Amino acid sequence: MSGGVARWFVHTVVVETCEGSGAYGNVYAAPVTLAPPNGVWVDGARKLVRNSAGVEVVSETSLATFNANAALFTPDSRVTINGVVSLVIKANAGDSGSLNLPTDHLEVNLT
C-alpha cells in the first residue's frame, strides 16, 4: 500500500504478541519492531472503548497500521511506544474486501 493511509504510518513501535498464559503469567512472543515504511500512526487521545468481554474501559492510546499486522495485536499483547509499555485492549480491521480501498487499516486500542 503506497497511498491512502500508509503515508501516515510514520511512528515506530515494538510489539510482543501475547500467546496465552503460563505458570508465571502471560507468555509473549519475541519482540517485533514496526518501523517506517511499515510503521504505525499513533493517536494519544483518551477514549472509552469496549474490550473483548464487552466492558467499557479507557484507552489511553490508539494506533493504526496495516491489516497484515493484525496477528501481532492479540488482546493483552505488549506494545512499546517511545519507551512506554501499553497493553492491547482490542484491534479492529477496517477492510473494504474486494473494493480494495486505500483506507484499509487496523485500529488498535491500548491501555
PDB file of N, CA and C in Angstrom:
ATOM      1  N   MET A   1       0.856  -1.166   0.000  1.00  0.00           N
ATOM      2  CA  MET A   1       0.000   0.000   0.000  1.00  0.00           C
ATOM      3  C   MET A   1       0.897   1.223   0.000  1.00  0.00           C
ATOM      4  N   SER A   2       0.934   1.932  -1.088  1.00  0.00           N
ATOM      5  CA  SER A   2       1.809   3.097  -1.158  1.00  0.00           C
ATOM      6  C   SER A   2       1.050   4.395  -0.926  1.00  0.00           C
ATOM      7  N   GLY A   3      -0.232   4.430  -1.203  1.00  0.00           N
ATOM      8  CA  GLY A   3      -1.020   5.637  -0.998  1.00  0.00           C
ATOM      9  C   GLY A   3      -1.935   5.460   0.196  1.00  0.00           C
ATOM     10  N   GLY A   4      -3.054   6.157   0.183  1.00  0.00           N
ATOM     11  CA  GLY A   4      -4.031   6.004   1.250  1.00  0.00           C
ATOM     12  C   GLY A   4      -3.451   6.344   2.604  1.00  0.00           C
ATOM     13  N   VAL A   5      -3.782   5.531   3.596  1.00  0.00           N
ATOM     14  CA  VAL A   5      -3.364   5.803   4.966  1.00  0.00           C
ATOM     15  C   VAL A   5      -1.896   5.478   5.215  1.00  0.00           C
ATOM     16  N   ALA A   6      -1.258   4.728   4.331  1.00  0.00           N
ATOM     17  CA  ALA A   6       0.124   4.295   4.556  1.00  0.00           C
ATOM     18  C   ALA A   6       1.080   5.468   4.757  1.00  0.00           C
ATOM     19  N   ARG A   7       0.829   6.574   4.114  1.00  0.00           N
ATOM     20  CA  ARG A   7       1.746   7.714   4.251  1.00  0.00           C
ATOM     21  C   ARG A   7       1.753   8.285   5.668  1.00  0.00           C
ATOM     22  N   TRP A   8       0.759   7.938   6.479  1.00  0.00           N
ATOM     23  CA  TRP A   8       0.687   8.428   7.851  1.00  0.00           C
ATOM     24  C   TRP A   8       1.379   7.482   8.830  1.00  0.00           C
ATOM     25  N   PHE A   9       1.794   6.300   8.391  1.00  0.00           N
ATOM     26  CA  PHE A   9       2.396   5.308   9.285  1.00  0.00           C
ATOM     27  C   PHE A   9       3.875   5.615   9.509  1.00  0.00           C
ATOM     28  N   VAL A  10       4.143   6.675  10.260  1.00  0.00           N
ATOM     29  CA  VAL A  10       5.493   7.210  10.417  1.00  0.00           C
ATOM     30  C   VAL A  10       6.123   6.922  11.782  1.00  0.00           C
ATOM     31  N   HIS A  11       5.386   6.309  12.685  1.00  0.00           N
ATOM     32  CA  HIS A  11       5.910   6.039  14.021  1.00  0.00           C
ATOM     33  C   HIS A  11       6.451   4.607  14.115  1.00  0.00           C
ATOM     34  N   THR A  12       7.328   4.390  15.078  1.00  0.00           N
ATOM     35  CA  THR A  12       7.901   3.066  15.319  1.00  0.00           C
ATOM     36  C   THR A  12       7.375   2.528  16.646  1.00  0.00           C
ATOM     37  N   VAL A  13       6.973   1.263  16.654  1.00  0.00           N
ATOM     38  CA  VAL A  13       6.541   0.595  17.881  1.00  0.00           C
ATOM     39  C   VAL A  13       7.181  -0.793  17.933  1.00  0.00           C
ATOM     40  N   VAL A  14       7.239  -1.341  19.144  1.00  0.00           N
ATOM     41  CA  VAL A  14       7.694  -2.719  19.343  1.00  0.00           C
ATOM     42  C   VAL A  14       6.523  -3.494  19.920  1.00  0.00           C
ATOM     43  N   VAL A  15       6.203  -4.630  19.301  1.00  0.00           N
ATOM     44  CA  VAL A  15       5.057  -5.439  19.715  1.00  0.00           C
ATOM     45  C   VAL A  15       5.544  -6.797  20.215  1.00  0.00           C
ATOM     46  N   GLU A  16       5.055  -7.190  21.391  1.00  0.00           N
ATOM     47  CA  GLU A  16       5.291  -8.525  21.921  1.00  0.00           C
ATOM     48  C   GLU A  16       3.926  -9.192  22.011  1.00  0.00           C
ATOM     49  N   THR A  17       3.640 -10.078  21.077  1.00  0.00           N
ATOM     50  CA  THR A  17       2.324 -10.697  20.981  1.00  0.00           C
ATOM     51  C   THR A  17       2.079 -11.646  22.147  1.00  0.00           C
ATOM     52  N   CYS A  18       0.934 -11.478  22.803  1.00  0.00           N
ATOM     53  CA  CYS A  18       0.547 -12.357  23.905  1.00  0.00           C
ATOM     54  C   CYS A  18       0.112 -13.698  23.312  1.00  0.00           C
ATOM     55  N   GLU A  19       0.775 -14.762  23.775  1.00  0.00           N
ATOM     56  CA  GLU A  19       0.480 -16.093  23.253  1.00  0.00           C
ATOM     57  C   GLU A  19      -0.330 -16.946  24.216  1.00  0.00           C
ATOM     58  N   GLY A  20      -0.752 -16.378  25.340  1.00  0.00           N
ATOM     59  CA  GLY A  20      -1.534 -17.115  26.325  1.00  0.00           C
ATOM     60  C   GLY A  20      -0.913 -16.989  27.701  1.00  0.00           C
ATOM     61  N   SER A  21      -1.406 -17.815  28.617  1.00  0.00           N
ATOM     62  CA  SER A  21      -0.937 -17.769  29.996  1.00  0.00           C
ATOM     63  C   SER A  21      -0.071 -18.977  30.298  1.00  0.00           C
ATOM     64  N   GLY A  22       0.911 -18.753  31.157  1.00  0.00           N
ATOM     65  CA  GLY A  22       1.774 -19.828  31.628  1.00  0.00           C
ATOM     66  C   GLY A  22       1.747 -19.866  33.142  1.00  0.00           C
ATOM     67  N   ALA A  23       2.641 -20.626  33.722  1.00  0.00           N
ATOM     68  CA  ALA A  23       2.694 -20.777  35.175  1.00  0.00           C
ATOM     69  C   ALA A  23       3.002 -19.463  35.881  1.00  0.00           C
ATOM     70  N   TYR A  24       3.685 -18.543  35.183  1.00  0.00           N
ATOM     71  CA  TYR A  24       4.084 -17.280  35.803  1.00  0.00           C
ATOM     72  C   TYR A  24       3.424 -16.067  35.165  1.00  0.00           C
ATOM     73  N   GLY A  25       2.278 -16.249  34.531  1.00  0.00           N
ATOM     74  CA  GLY A  25       1.578 -15.137  33.900  1.00  0.00           C
ATOM     75  C   GLY A  25       1.559 -15.272  32.393  1.00  0.00           C
ATOM     76  N   ASN A  26       1.329 -14.162  31.712  1.00  0.00           N
ATOM     77  CA  ASN A  26       1.252 -14.180  30.252  1.00  0.00           C
ATOM     78  C   ASN A  26       2.590 -14.562  29.620  1.00  0.00           C
ATOM     79  N   VAL A  27       2.480 -15.259  28.484  1.00  0.00           N
ATOM     80  CA  VAL A  27       3.654 -15.655  27.700  1.00  0.00           C
ATOM     81  C   VAL A  27       3.637 -14.811  26.428  1.00  0.00           C
ATOM     82  N   TYR A  28       4.795 -14.221  26.093  1.00  0.00           N
ATOM     83  CA  TYR A  28       4.885 -13.311  24.948  1.00  0.00           C
ATOM     84  C   TYR A  28       5.857 -13.838  23.907  1.00  0.00           C
ATOM     85  N   ALA A  29       5.548 -13.568  22.644  1.00  0.00           N
ATOM     86  CA  ALA A  29       6.431 -13.897  21.535  1.00  0.00           C
ATOM     87  C   ALA A  29       7.611 -12.931  21.535  1.00  0.00           C
ATOM     88  N   ALA A  30       8.616 -13.249  20.739  1.00  0.00           N
ATOM     89  CA  ALA A  30       9.769 -12.359  20.602  1.00  0.00           C
ATOM     90  C   ALA A  30       9.302 -10.994  20.082  1.00  0.00           C
ATOM     91  N   PRO A  31       9.956  -9.922  20.493  1.00  0.00           N
ATOM     92  CA  PRO A  31       9.561  -8.577  20.057  1.00  0.00           C
ATOM     93  C   PRO A  31       9.676  -8.403  18.545  1.00  0.00           C
ATOM     94  N   VAL A  32       8.692  -7.697  17.975  1.00  0.00           N
ATOM     95  CA  VAL A  32       8.679  -7.352  16.551  1.00  0.00           C
ATOM     96  C   VAL A  32       8.624  -5.836  16.458  1.00  0.00           C
ATOM     97  N   THR A  33       9.528  -5.248  15.699  1.00  0.00           N
ATOM     98  CA  THR A  33       9.546  -3.801  15.524  1.00  0.00           C
ATOM     99  C   THR A  33       8.841  -3.433  14.228  1.00  0.00           C
ATOM    100  N   LEU A  34       7.873  -2.537  14.326  1.00  0.00           N
ATOM    101  CA  LEU A  34       7.187  -1.986  13.160  1.00  0.00           C
ATOM    102  C   LEU A  34       7.689  -0.560  12.986  1.00  0.00           C
ATOM    103  N   ALA A  35       8.448  -0.334  11.923  1.00  0.00           N
ATOM    104  CA  ALA A  35       9.056   0.970  11.665  1.00  0.00           C
ATOM    105  C   ALA A  35       8.749   1.392  10.234  1.00  0.00           C
ATOM    106  N   PRO A  36       8.776   2.697   9.958  1.00  0.00           N
ATOM    107  CA  PRO A  36       8.510   3.167   8.593  1.00  0.00           C
ATOM    108  C   PRO A  36       9.420   2.464   7.588  1.00  0.00           C
ATOM    109  N   PRO A  37       8.927   2.122   6.430  1.00  0.00           N
ATOM    110  CA  PRO A  37       7.616   2.467   5.879  1.00  0.00           C
ATOM    111  C   PRO A  37       6.500   1.528   6.308  1.00  0.00           C
ATOM    112  N   ASN A  38       6.809   0.545   7.164  1.00  0.00           N
ATOM    113  CA  ASN A  38       5.792  -0.404   7.631  1.00  0.00           C
ATOM    114  C   ASN A  38       5.400  -0.130   9.070  1.00  0.00           C
ATOM    115  N   GLY A  39       5.473   1.124   9.472  1.00  0.00           N
ATOM    116  CA  GLY A  39       5.216   1.514  10.848  1.00  0.00           C
ATOM    117  C   GLY A  39       3.743   1.669  11.164  1.00  0.00           C
ATOM    118  N   VAL A  40       3.483   2.558  12.091  1.00  0.00           N
ATOM    119  CA  VAL A  40       2.127   2.809  12.565  1.00  0.00           C
ATOM    120  C   VAL A  40       1.914   4.309  12.681  1.00  0.00           C
ATOM    121  N   TRP A  41       0.670   4.683  12.872  1.00  0.00           N
ATOM    122  CA  TRP A  41       0.309   6.055  13.209  1.00  0.00           C
ATOM    123  C   TRP A  41      -0.218   6.008  14.631  1.00  0.00           C
ATOM    124  N   VAL A  42       0.269   6.879  15.510  1.00  0.00           N
ATOM    125  CA  VAL A  42      -0.100   6.864  16.919  1.00  0.00           C
ATOM    126  C   VAL A  42      -0.984   8.063  17.235  1.00  0.00           C
ATOM    127  N   ASP A  43      -2.077   7.797  17.952  1.00  0.00           N
ATOM    128  CA  ASP A  43      -3.012   8.835  18.379  1.00  0.00           C
ATOM    129  C   ASP A  43      -3.103   8.764  19.895  1.00  0.00           C
ATOM    130  N   GLY A  44      -2.688   9.805  20.586  1.00  0.00           N
ATOM    131  CA  GLY A  44      -2.667   9.816  22.044  1.00  0.00           C
ATOM    132  C   GLY A  44      -3.964  10.241  22.703  1.00  0.00           C
ATOM    133  N   ALA A  45      -5.063  10.311  21.959  1.00  0.00           N
ATOM    134  CA  ALA A  45      -6.339  10.749  22.535  1.00  0.00           C
ATOM    135  C   ALA A  45      -6.943   9.667  23.432  1.00  0.00           C
ATOM    136  N   ARG A  46      -7.395  10.075  24.603  1.00  0.00           N
ATOM    137  CA  ARG A  46      -8.065   9.159  25.531  1.00  0.00           C
ATOM    138  C   ARG A  46      -9.521   8.990  25.106  1.00  0.00           C
ATOM    139  N   LYS A  47     -10.011   7.731  25.129  1.00  0.00           N
ATOM    140  CA  LYS A  47     -11.421   7.484  24.783  1.00  0.00           C
ATOM    141  C   LYS A  47     -11.912   6.208  25.425  1.00  0.00           C
ATOM    142  N   LEU A  48     -13.222   6.093  25.517  1.00  0.00           N
ATOM    143  CA  LEU A  48     -13.854   4.874  26.035  1.00  0.00           C
ATOM    144  C   LEU A  48     -14.029   3.877  24.899  1.00  0.00           C
ATOM    145  N   VAL A  49     -13.639   2.630  25.144  1.00  0.00           N
ATOM    146  CA  VAL A  49     -13.823   1.559  24.172  1.00  0.00           C
ATOM    147  C   VAL A  49     -14.357   0.337  24.920  1.00  0.00           C
ATOM    148  N   ARG A  50     -14.851  -0.624  24.179  1.00  0.00           N
ATOM    149  CA  ARG A  50     -15.285  -1.888  24.784  1.00  0.00           C
ATOM    150  C   ARG A  50     -14.215  -2.940  24.548  1.00  0.00           C
ATOM    151  N   ASN A  51     -13.883  -3.666  25.609  1.00  0.00           N
ATOM    152  CA  ASN A  51     -12.894  -4.725  25.460  1.00  0.00           C
ATOM    153  C   ASN A  51     -13.550  -5.978  24.881  1.00  0.00           C
ATOM    154  N   SER A  52     -12.798  -7.075  24.791  1.00  0.00           N
ATOM    155  CA  SER A  52     -13.329  -8.290  24.170  1.00  0.00           C
ATOM    156  C   SER A  52     -14.484  -8.901  24.954  1.00  0.00           C
ATOM    157  N   ALA A  53     -14.633  -8.538  26.232  1.00  0.00           N
ATOM    158  CA  ALA A  53     -15.760  -9.017  27.039  1.00  0.00           C
ATOM    159  C   ALA A  53     -16.953  -8.068  26.978  1.00  0.00           C
ATOM    160  N   GLY A  54     -16.827  -6.961  26.256  1.00  0.00           N
ATOM    161  CA  GLY A  54     -17.915  -6.004  26.118  1.00  0.00           C
ATOM    162  C   GLY A  54     -17.978  -4.961  27.219  1.00  0.00           C
ATOM    163  N   VAL A  55     -16.973  -4.918  28.072  1.00  0.00           N
ATOM    164  CA  VAL A  55     -16.926  -3.966  29.181  1.00  0.00           C
ATOM    165  C   VAL A  55     -16.257  -2.673  28.704  1.00  0.00           C
ATOM    166  N   GLU A  56     -16.830  -1.514  29.091  1.00  0.00           N
ATOM    167  CA  GLU A  56     -16.232  -0.232  28.735  1.00  0.00           C
ATOM    168  C   GLU A  56     -14.969  -0.008  29.558  1.00  0.00           C
ATOM    169  N   VAL A  57     -13.886   0.313  28.858  1.00  0.00           N
ATOM    170  CA  VAL A  57     -12.605   0.619  29.504  1.00  0.00           C
ATOM    171  C   VAL A  57     -12.018   1.850  28.833  1.00  0.00           C
ATOM    172  N   VAL A  58     -11.052   2.482  29.484  1.00  0.00           N
ATOM    173  CA  VAL A  58     -10.409   3.674  28.932  1.00  0.00           C
ATOM    174  C   VAL A  58      -9.201   3.261  28.103  1.00  0.00           C
ATOM    175  N   SER A  59      -9.154   3.741  26.882  1.00  0.00           N
ATOM    176  CA  SER A  59      -8.000   3.563  26.016  1.00  0.00           C
ATOM    177  C   SER A  59      -7.211   4.864  26.054  1.00  0.00           C
ATOM    178  N   GLU A  60      -5.954   4.794  26.466  1.00  0.00           N
ATOM    179  CA  GLU A  60      -5.101   5.981  26.558  1.00  0.00           C
ATOM    180  C   GLU A  60      -4.461   6.325  25.222  1.00  0.00           C
ATOM    181  N   THR A  61      -4.292   5.319  24.357  1.00  0.00           N
ATOM    182  CA  THR A  61      -3.618   5.498  23.078  1.00  0.00           C
ATOM    183  C   THR A  61      -4.242   4.569  22.054  1.00  0.00           C
ATOM    184  N   SER A  62      -4.307   5.030  20.810  1.00  0.00           N
ATOM    185  CA  SER A  62      -4.725   4.179  19.701  1.00  0.00           C
ATOM    186  C   SER A  62      -3.637   4.228  18.648  1.00  0.00           C
ATOM    187  N   LEU A  63      -3.559   3.197  17.861  1.00  0.00           N
ATOM    188  CA  LEU A  63      -2.637   3.225  16.740  1.00  0.00           C
ATOM    189  C   LEU A  63      -3.305   2.610  15.529  1.00  0.00           C
ATOM    190  N   ALA A  64      -2.817   2.981  14.363  1.00  0.00           N
ATOM    191  CA  ALA A  64      -3.298   2.427  13.104  1.00  0.00           C
ATOM    192  C   ALA A  64      -2.110   1.838  12.371  1.00  0.00           C
ATOM    193  N   THR A  65      -2.324   0.710  11.720  1.00  0.00           N
ATOM    194  CA  THR A  65      -1.272   0.055  10.953  1.00  0.00           C
ATOM    195  C   THR A  65      -1.917  -0.754   9.837  1.00  0.00           C
ATOM    196  N   PHE A  66      -1.125  -1.518   9.124  1.00  0.00           N
ATOM    197  CA  PHE A  66      -1.635  -2.342   8.035  1.00  0.00           C
ATOM    198  C   PHE A  66      -2.413  -3.532   8.583  1.00  0.00           C
ATOM    199  N   ASN A  67      -3.478  -3.925   7.889  1.00  0.00           N
ATOM    200  CA  ASN A  67      -4.254  -5.097   8.294  1.00  0.00           C
ATOM    201  C   ASN A  67      -3.390  -6.349   8.370  1.00  0.00           C
ATOM    202  N   ALA A  68      -2.344  -6.421   7.583  1.00  0.00           N
ATOM    203  CA  ALA A  68      -1.458  -7.588   7.590  1.00  0.00           C
ATOM    204  C   ALA A  68      -0.785  -7.796   8.947  1.00  0.00           C
ATOM    205  N   ASN A  69      -0.757  -6.764   9.791  1.00  0.00           N
ATOM    206  CA  ASN A  69      -0.149  -6.864  11.119  1.00  0.00           C
ATOM    207  C   ASN A  69      -1.131  -7.325  12.194  1.00  0.00           C
ATOM    208  N   ALA A  70      -2.351  -7.661  11.831  1.00  0.00           N
ATOM    209  CA  ALA A  70      -3.401  -7.981  12.808  1.00  0.00           C
ATOM    210  C   ALA A  70      -3.002  -9.091  13.776  1.00  0.00           C
ATOM    211  N   ALA A  71      -2.324 -10.123  13.309  1.00  0.00           N
ATOM    212  CA  ALA A  71      -1.971 -11.256  14.173  1.00  0.00           C
ATOM    213  C   ALA A  71      -1.026 -10.858  15.310  1.00  0.00           C
ATOM    214  N   LEU A  72      -0.329  -9.738  15.179  1.00  0.00           N
ATOM    215  CA  LEU A  72       0.575  -9.275  16.232  1.00  0.00           C
ATOM    216  C   LEU A  72      -0.174  -8.705  17.431  1.00  0.00           C
ATOM    217  N   PHE A  73      -1.377  -8.193  17.201  1.00  0.00           N
ATOM    218  CA  PHE A  73      -2.081  -7.397  18.208  1.00  0.00           C
ATOM    219  C   PHE A  73      -3.222  -8.156  18.872  1.00  0.00           C
ATOM    220  N   THR A  74      -2.929  -9.338  19.444  1.00  0.00           N
ATOM    221  CA  THR A  74      -3.937 -10.073  20.197  1.00  0.00           C
ATOM    222  C   THR A  74      -4.171  -9.341  21.525  1.00  0.00           C
ATOM    223  N   PRO A  75      -5.332  -9.520  22.154  1.00  0.00           N
ATOM    224  CA  PRO A  75      -5.571  -8.869  23.445  1.00  0.00           C
ATOM    225  C   PRO A  75      -4.459  -9.196  24.445  1.00  0.00           C
ATOM    226  N   ASP A  76      -4.077  -8.200  25.234  1.00  0.00           N
ATOM    227  CA  ASP A  76      -3.042  -8.273  26.260  1.00  0.00           C
ATOM    228  C   ASP A  76      -1.617  -8.303  25.708  1.00  0.00           C
ATOM    229  N   SER A  77      -1.441  -8.161  24.385  1.00  0.00           N
ATOM    230  CA  SER A  77      -0.090  -8.047  23.839  1.00  0.00           C
ATOM    231  C   SER A  77       0.525  -6.749  24.335  1.00  0.00           C
ATOM    232  N   ARG A  78       1.856  -6.742  24.480  1.00  0.00           N
ATOM    233  CA  ARG A  78       2.562  -5.545  24.937  1.00  0.00           C
ATOM    234  C   ARG A  78       3.023  -4.735  23.730  1.00  0.00           C
ATOM    235  N   VAL A  79       2.788  -3.428  23.803  1.00  0.00           N
ATOM    236  CA  VAL A  79       3.206  -2.513  22.746  1.00  0.00           C
ATOM    237  C   VAL A  79       4.022  -1.402  23.397  1.00  0.00           C
ATOM    238  N   THR A  80       5.240  -1.204  22.910  1.00  0.00           N
ATOM    239  CA  THR A  80       6.117  -0.170  23.453  1.00  0.00           C
ATOM    240  C   THR A  80       6.228   0.964  22.447  1.00  0.00           C
ATOM    241  N   ILE A  81       5.852   2.172  22.891  1.00  0.00           N
ATOM    242  CA  ILE A  81       5.928   3.387  22.077  1.00  0.00           C
ATOM    243  C   ILE A  81       6.752   4.397  22.847  1.00  0.00           C
ATOM    244  N   ASN A  82       7.885   4.803  22.303  1.00  0.00           N
ATOM    245  CA  ASN A  82       8.762   5.786  22.961  1.00  0.00           C
ATOM    246  C   ASN A  82       9.081   5.396  24.408  1.00  0.00           C
ATOM    247  N   GLY A  83       9.327   4.115  24.650  1.00  0.00           N
ATOM    248  CA  GLY A  83       9.687   3.646  25.981  1.00  0.00           C
ATOM    249  C   GLY A  83       8.526   3.370  26.907  1.00  0.00           C
ATOM    250  N   VAL A  84       7.308   3.694  26.509  1.00  0.00           N
ATOM    251  CA  VAL A  84       6.126   3.470  27.328  1.00  0.00           C
ATOM    252  C   VAL A  84       5.455   2.175  26.882  1.00  0.00           C
ATOM    253  N   VAL A  85       5.247   1.254  27.838  1.00  0.00           N
ATOM    254  CA  VAL A  85       4.637  -0.037  27.529  1.00  0.00           C
ATOM    255  C   VAL A  85       3.140   0.016  27.826  1.00  0.00           C
ATOM    256  N   SER A  86       2.337  -0.403  26.850  1.00  0.00           N
ATOM    257  CA  SER A  86       0.886  -0.472  26.985  1.00  0.00           C
ATOM    258  C   SER A  86       0.432  -1.869  26.607  1.00  0.00           C
ATOM    259  N   LEU A  87      -0.807  -2.186  26.952  1.00  0.00           N
ATOM    260  CA  LEU A  87      -1.384  -3.479  26.585  1.00  0.00           C
ATOM    261  C   LEU A  87      -2.505  -3.281  25.574  1.00  0.00           C
ATOM    262  N   VAL A  88      -2.653  -4.232  24.675  1.00  0.00           N
ATOM    263  CA  VAL A  88      -3.723  -4.178  23.680  1.00  0.00           C
ATOM    264  C   VAL A  88      -5.053  -4.481  24.354  1.00  0.00           C
ATOM    265  N   ILE A  89      -6.023  -3.593  24.162  1.00  0.00           N
ATOM    266  CA  ILE A  89      -7.394  -3.831  24.616  1.00  0.00           C
ATOM    267  C   ILE A  89      -8.131  -4.609  23.532  1.00  0.00           C
ATOM    268  N   LYS A  90      -8.077  -4.085  22.303  1.00  0.00           N
ATOM    269  CA  LYS A  90      -8.726  -4.735  21.166  1.00  0.00           C
ATOM    270  C   LYS A  90      -8.152  -4.170  19.878  1.00  0.00           C
ATOM    271  N   ALA A  91      -8.398  -4.897  18.796  1.00  0.00           N
ATOM    272  CA  ALA A  91      -7.976  -4.448  17.474  1.00  0.00           C
ATOM    273  C   ALA A  91      -9.139  -4.657  16.510  1.00  0.00           C
ATOM    274  N   ASN A  92      -9.389  -3.667  15.664  1.00  0.00           N
ATOM    275  CA  ASN A  92     -10.472  -3.729  14.678  1.00  0.00           C
ATOM    276  C   ASN A  92      -9.916  -3.491  13.291  1.00  0.00           C
ATOM    277  N   ALA A  93     -10.243  -4.394  12.377  1.00  0.00           N
ATOM    278  CA  ALA A  93      -9.777  -4.250  10.997  1.00  0.00           C
ATOM    279  C   ALA A  93     -10.789  -3.449  10.188  1.00  0.00           C
ATOM    280  N   GLY A  94     -10.303  -2.442   9.474  1.00  0.00           N
ATOM    281  CA  GLY A  94     -11.104  -1.704   8.505  1.00  0.00           C
ATOM    282  C   GLY A  94     -10.760  -2.271   7.142  1.00  0.00           C
ATOM    283  N   ASP A  95     -11.577  -3.189   6.665  1.00  0.00           N
ATOM    284  CA  ASP A  95     -11.255  -3.920   5.444  1.00  0.00           C
ATOM    285  C   ASP A  95     -12.387  -3.757   4.443  1.00  0.00           C
ATOM    286  N   SER A  96     -12.068  -3.217   3.277  1.00  0.00           N
ATOM    287  CA  SER A  96     -13.098  -2.999   2.253  1.00  0.00           C
ATOM    288  C   SER A  96     -13.294  -4.206   1.339  1.00  0.00           C
ATOM    289  N   GLY A  97     -12.631  -5.315   1.638  1.00  0.00           N
ATOM    290  CA  GLY A  97     -12.812  -6.532   0.849  1.00  0.00           C
ATOM    291  C   GLY A  97     -12.385  -6.356  -0.591  1.00  0.00           C
ATOM    292  N   SER A  98     -13.229  -6.779  -1.501  1.00  0.00           N
ATOM    293  CA  SER A  98     -12.890  -6.747  -2.924  1.00  0.00           C
ATOM    294  C   SER A  98     -12.798  -5.325  -3.487  1.00  0.00           C
ATOM    295  N   LEU A  99     -13.291  -4.333  -2.750  1.00  0.00           N
ATOM    296  CA  LEU A  99     -13.180  -2.950  -3.212  1.00  0.00           C
ATOM    297  C   LEU A  99     -11.737  -2.455  -3.158  1.00  0.00           C
ATOM    298  N   ASN A 100     -10.935  -3.034  -2.245  1.00  0.00           N
ATOM    299  CA  ASN A 100      -9.522  -2.690  -2.111  1.00  0.00           C
ATOM    300  C   ASN A 100      -9.300  -1.174  -2.003  1.00  0.00           C
ATOM    301  N   LEU A 101     -10.025  -0.547  -1.104  1.00  0.00           N
ATOM    302  CA  LEU A 101      -9.906   0.895  -0.911  1.00  0.00           C
ATOM    303  C   LEU A 101      -8.573   1.255  -0.258  1.00  0.00           C
ATOM    304  N   PRO A 102      -8.039   2.425  -0.537  1.00  0.00           N
ATOM    305  CA  PRO A 102      -6.747   2.819   0.031  1.00  0.00           C
ATOM    306  C   PRO A 102      -6.813   3.169   1.515  1.00  0.00           C
ATOM    307  N   THR A 103      -7.993   3.133   2.111  1.00  0.00           N
ATOM    308  CA  THR A 103      -8.131   3.479   3.526  1.00  0.00           C
ATOM    309  C   THR A 103      -8.169   2.247   4.423  1.00  0.00           C
ATOM    310  N   ASP A 104      -7.998   1.049   3.880  1.00  0.00           N
ATOM    311  CA  ASP A 104      -7.983  -0.159   4.706  1.00  0.00           C
ATOM    312  C   ASP A 104      -6.871  -0.051   5.744  1.00  0.00           C
ATOM    313  N   HIS A 105      -7.191  -0.329   7.021  1.00  0.00           N
ATOM    314  CA  HIS A 105      -6.188  -0.287   8.069  1.00  0.00           C
ATOM    315  C   HIS A 105      -6.710  -1.000   9.303  1.00  0.00           C
ATOM    316  N   LEU A 106      -5.812  -1.279  10.226  1.00  0.00           N
ATOM    317  CA  LEU A 106      -6.130  -1.908  11.500  1.00  0.00           C
ATOM    318  C   LEU A 106      -6.044  -0.846  12.588  1.00  0.00           C
ATOM    319  N   GLU A 107      -7.089  -0.710  13.395  1.00  0.00           N
ATOM    320  CA  GLU A 107      -7.050   0.220  14.532  1.00  0.00           C
ATOM    321  C   GLU A 107      -6.899  -0.592  15.803  1.00  0.00           C
ATOM    322  N   VAL A 108      -5.910  -0.221  16.617  1.00  0.00           N
ATOM    323  CA  VAL A 108      -5.606  -0.931  17.860  1.00  0.00           C
ATOM    324  C   VAL A 108      -5.759   0.031  19.020  1.00  0.00           C
ATOM    325  N   ASN A 109      -6.548  -0.363  20.025  1.00  0.00           N
ATOM    326  CA  ASN A 109      -6.731   0.442  21.229  1.00  0.00           C
ATOM    327  C   ASN A 109      -5.855  -0.118  22.332  1.00  0.00           C
ATOM    328  N   LEU A 110      -5.134   0.772  23.023  1.00  0.00           N
ATOM    329  CA  LEU A 110      -4.176   0.390  24.065  1.00  0.00           C
ATOM    330  C   LEU A 110      -4.545   0.994  25.408  1.00  0.00           C
ATOM    331  N   THR A 111      -4.096   0.320  26.483  1.00  0.00           N
ATOM    332  CA  THR A 111      -4.311   0.833  27.840  1.00  0.00           C
ATOM    333  C   THR A 111      -3.437   2.055  28.067  1.00  0.00           C
TER     334      THR A 111
END
